[in-house]
Amino acid sequence: MISVDGTDFKIAEHGPAFSSHKFSMKSRLRYEVAICILTSSIVWINGPFPCRRFNDILILRNSRLSHLTDGEIVEADDEYIEEAP
């Protein structure tokens, strides 16, 4: 069982491709972080991605999600709901 979400990190200004709607359009890089719910261990970190070009769901679709085995559970916020089986 894992919990997965995206998080943004501030960088020097790099133009509109890196702007984040979460932070007043300031430049950010986005990372995907997955944590094991049972052990609190970080399972993976995926990134960096320019914020404007990659939202959380796009990153998840191209991440290690395909490596999960049958029966493994992913907990995520509502943005990810369309990825549920």
C-alpha atoms as a PDB file:
ATOM      1  CA  MET A   1       0.000   0.000   0.000  1.00  0.00           C
ATOM      2  CA  ILE A   2       1.409   3.355  -1.036  1.00  0.00           C
ATOM      3  CA  SER A   3       0.401   6.986  -0.922  1.00  0.00           C
ATOM      4  CA  VAL A   4       1.387   9.073  -3.952  1.00  0.00           C
ATOM      5  CA  ASP A   5       1.243  12.813  -4.637  1.00  0.00           C
ATOM      6  CA  GLY A   6       3.027  15.574  -6.481  1.00  0.00           C
ATOM      7  CA  THR A   7       4.969  18.356  -4.827  1.00  0.00           C
ATOM      8  CA  ASP A   8       6.459  21.564  -6.260  1.00  0.00           C
ATOM      9  CA  PHE A   9       9.865  23.070  -5.467  1.00  0.00           C
ATOM     10  CA  LYS A  10      10.837  26.677  -6.053  1.00  0.00           C
ATOM     11  CA  ILE A  11      13.559  27.421  -8.617  1.00  0.00           C
ATOM     12  CA  ALA A  12      14.994  30.581 -10.161  1.00  0.00           C
ATOM     13  CA  GLU A  13      12.720  32.063 -12.839  1.00  0.00           C
ATOM     14  CA  HIS A  14      12.770  29.914 -15.999  1.00  0.00           C
ATOM     15  CA  GLY A  15       9.774  31.212 -17.940  1.00  0.00           C
ATOM     16  CA  PRO A  16       6.172  30.097 -18.420  1.00  0.00           C
ATOM     17  CA  ALA A  17       6.885  26.379 -18.951  1.00  0.00           C
ATOM     18  CA  PHE A  18       7.927  26.146 -15.297  1.00  0.00           C
ATOM     19  CA  SER A  19       5.184  28.303 -13.729  1.00  0.00           C
ATOM     20  CA  SER A  20       2.987  26.718 -11.082  1.00  0.00           C
ATOM     21  CA  HIS A  21      -0.677  27.637 -10.615  1.00  0.00           C
ATOM     22  CA  LYS A  22      -0.287  26.596  -6.975  1.00  0.00           C
ATOM     23  CA  PHE A  23       2.253  29.326  -6.273  1.00  0.00           C
ATOM     24  CA  SER A  24       1.198  32.547  -8.020  1.00  0.00           C
ATOM     25  CA  MET A  25       2.721  31.436 -11.327  1.00  0.00           C
ATOM     26  CA  LYS A  26       6.276  31.391  -9.926  1.00  0.00           C
ATOM     27  CA  SER A  27       8.781  28.946 -11.446  1.00  0.00           C
ATOM     28  CA  ARG A  28       8.745  25.487  -9.883  1.00  0.00           C
ATOM     29  CA  LEU A  29       9.806  21.931 -10.584  1.00  0.00           C
ATOM     30  CA  ARG A  30       7.340  19.146  -9.787  1.00  0.00           C
ATOM     31  CA  TYR A  31       8.223  15.780  -8.292  1.00  0.00           C
ATOM     32  CA  GLU A  32       6.080  12.738  -7.652  1.00  0.00           C
ATOM     33  CA  VAL A  33       6.669  11.125  -4.260  1.00  0.00           C
ATOM     34  CA  ALA A  34       5.299   7.745  -3.161  1.00  0.00           C
ATOM     35  CA  ILE A  35       5.436   6.558   0.434  1.00  0.00           C
ATOM     36  CA  CYS A  36       4.649   3.109   1.849  1.00  0.00           C
ATOM     37  CA  ILE A  37       1.658   3.498   4.166  1.00  0.00           C
ATOM     38  CA  LEU A  38       2.776   0.628   6.395  1.00  0.00           C
ATOM     39  CA  THR A  39       6.445   1.565   6.918  1.00  0.00           C
ATOM     40  CA  SER A  40       6.572   5.305   6.046  1.00  0.00           C
ATOM     41  CA  SER A  41       9.479   4.524   3.704  1.00  0.00           C
ATOM     42  CA  ILE A  42       9.842   6.488   0.492  1.00  0.00           C
ATOM     43  CA  VAL A  43       9.109   4.022  -2.307  1.00  0.00           C
ATOM     44  CA  TRP A  44       9.993   6.308  -5.195  1.00  0.00           C
ATOM     45  CA  ILE A  45      10.687   9.861  -6.235  1.00  0.00           C
ATOM     46  CA  ASN A  46      10.028  10.721  -9.852  1.00  0.00           C
ATOM     47  CA  GLY A  47      11.120  13.967 -11.471  1.00  0.00           C
ATOM     48  CA  PRO A  48      11.848  16.756 -11.874  1.00  0.00           C
ATOM     49  CA  PHE A  49       9.214  17.984 -14.340  1.00  0.00           C
ATOM     50  CA  PRO A  50       8.351  21.548 -15.448  1.00  0.00           C
ATOM     51  CA  CYS A  51       5.135  22.424 -13.593  1.00  0.00           C
ATOM     52  CA  ARG A  52       3.184  23.916 -16.479  1.00  0.00           C
ATOM     53  CA  ARG A  53       3.811  20.935 -18.770  1.00  0.00           C
ATOM     54  CA  PHE A  54       3.244  18.129 -16.250  1.00  0.00           C
ATOM     55  CA  ASN A  55       0.390  17.838 -13.774  1.00  0.00           C
ATOM     56  CA  ASP A  56       0.233  15.090 -11.150  1.00  0.00           C
ATOM     57  CA  ILE A  57      -1.902  12.706 -13.205  1.00  0.00           C
ATOM     58  CA  LEU A  58       0.330  12.965 -16.298  1.00  0.00           C
ATOM     59  CA  ILE A  59       3.392  12.203 -14.181  1.00  0.00           C
ATOM     60  CA  LEU A  60       1.633   9.224 -12.574  1.00  0.00           C
ATOM     61  CA  ARG A  61       0.686   7.762 -15.962  1.00  0.00           C
ATOM     62  CA  ASN A  62       4.352   7.792 -16.963  1.00  0.00           C
ATOM     63  CA  SER A  63       5.763   6.650 -13.641  1.00  0.00           C
ATOM     64  CA  ARG A  64       6.448   3.436 -11.821  1.00  0.00           C
ATOM     65  CA  LEU A  65       2.731   2.786 -11.446  1.00  0.00           C
ATOM     66  CA  SER A  66       3.065   0.188 -14.192  1.00  0.00           C
ATOM     67  CA  HIS A  67       5.432  -1.754 -11.898  1.00  0.00           C
ATOM     68  CA  LEU A  68       2.772  -2.380  -9.267  1.00  0.00           C
ATOM     69  CA  THR A  69       1.574  -5.956  -9.010  1.00  0.00           C
ATOM     70  CA  ASP A  70      -2.032  -7.150  -8.840  1.00  0.00           C
ATOM     71  CA  GLY A  71      -3.501  -6.395  -5.446  1.00  0.00           C
ATOM     72  CA  GLU A  72      -1.173  -3.520  -4.578  1.00  0.00           C
ATOM     73  CA  ILE A  73      -3.109  -0.462  -3.448  1.00  0.00           C
ATOM     74  CA  VAL A  74      -2.393   3.201  -4.169  1.00  0.00           C
ATOM     75  CA  GLU A  75      -3.923   5.934  -2.005  1.00  0.00           C
ATOM     76  CA  ALA A  76      -4.115   9.350  -3.651  1.00  0.00           C
ATOM     77  CA  ASP A  77      -6.209  12.522  -3.716  1.00  0.00           C
ATOM     78  CA  ASP A  78      -9.211  13.073  -6.007  1.00  0.00           C
ATOM     79  CA  GLU A  79      -7.091  14.290  -8.925  1.00  0.00           C
ATOM     80  CA  TYR A  80      -6.046  10.672  -9.512  1.00  0.00           C
ATOM     81  CA  ILE A  81      -9.535   9.122  -9.383  1.00  0.00           C
ATOM     82  CA  GLU A  82      -9.775   8.474 -13.127  1.00  0.00           C
ATOM     83  CA  GLU A  83      -6.791   6.117 -12.844  1.00  0.00           C
ATOM     84  CA  ALA A  84      -8.636   3.773 -10.474  1.00  0.00           C
ATOM     85  CA  PRO A  85      -9.315   0.307 -11.879  1.00  0.00           C
END
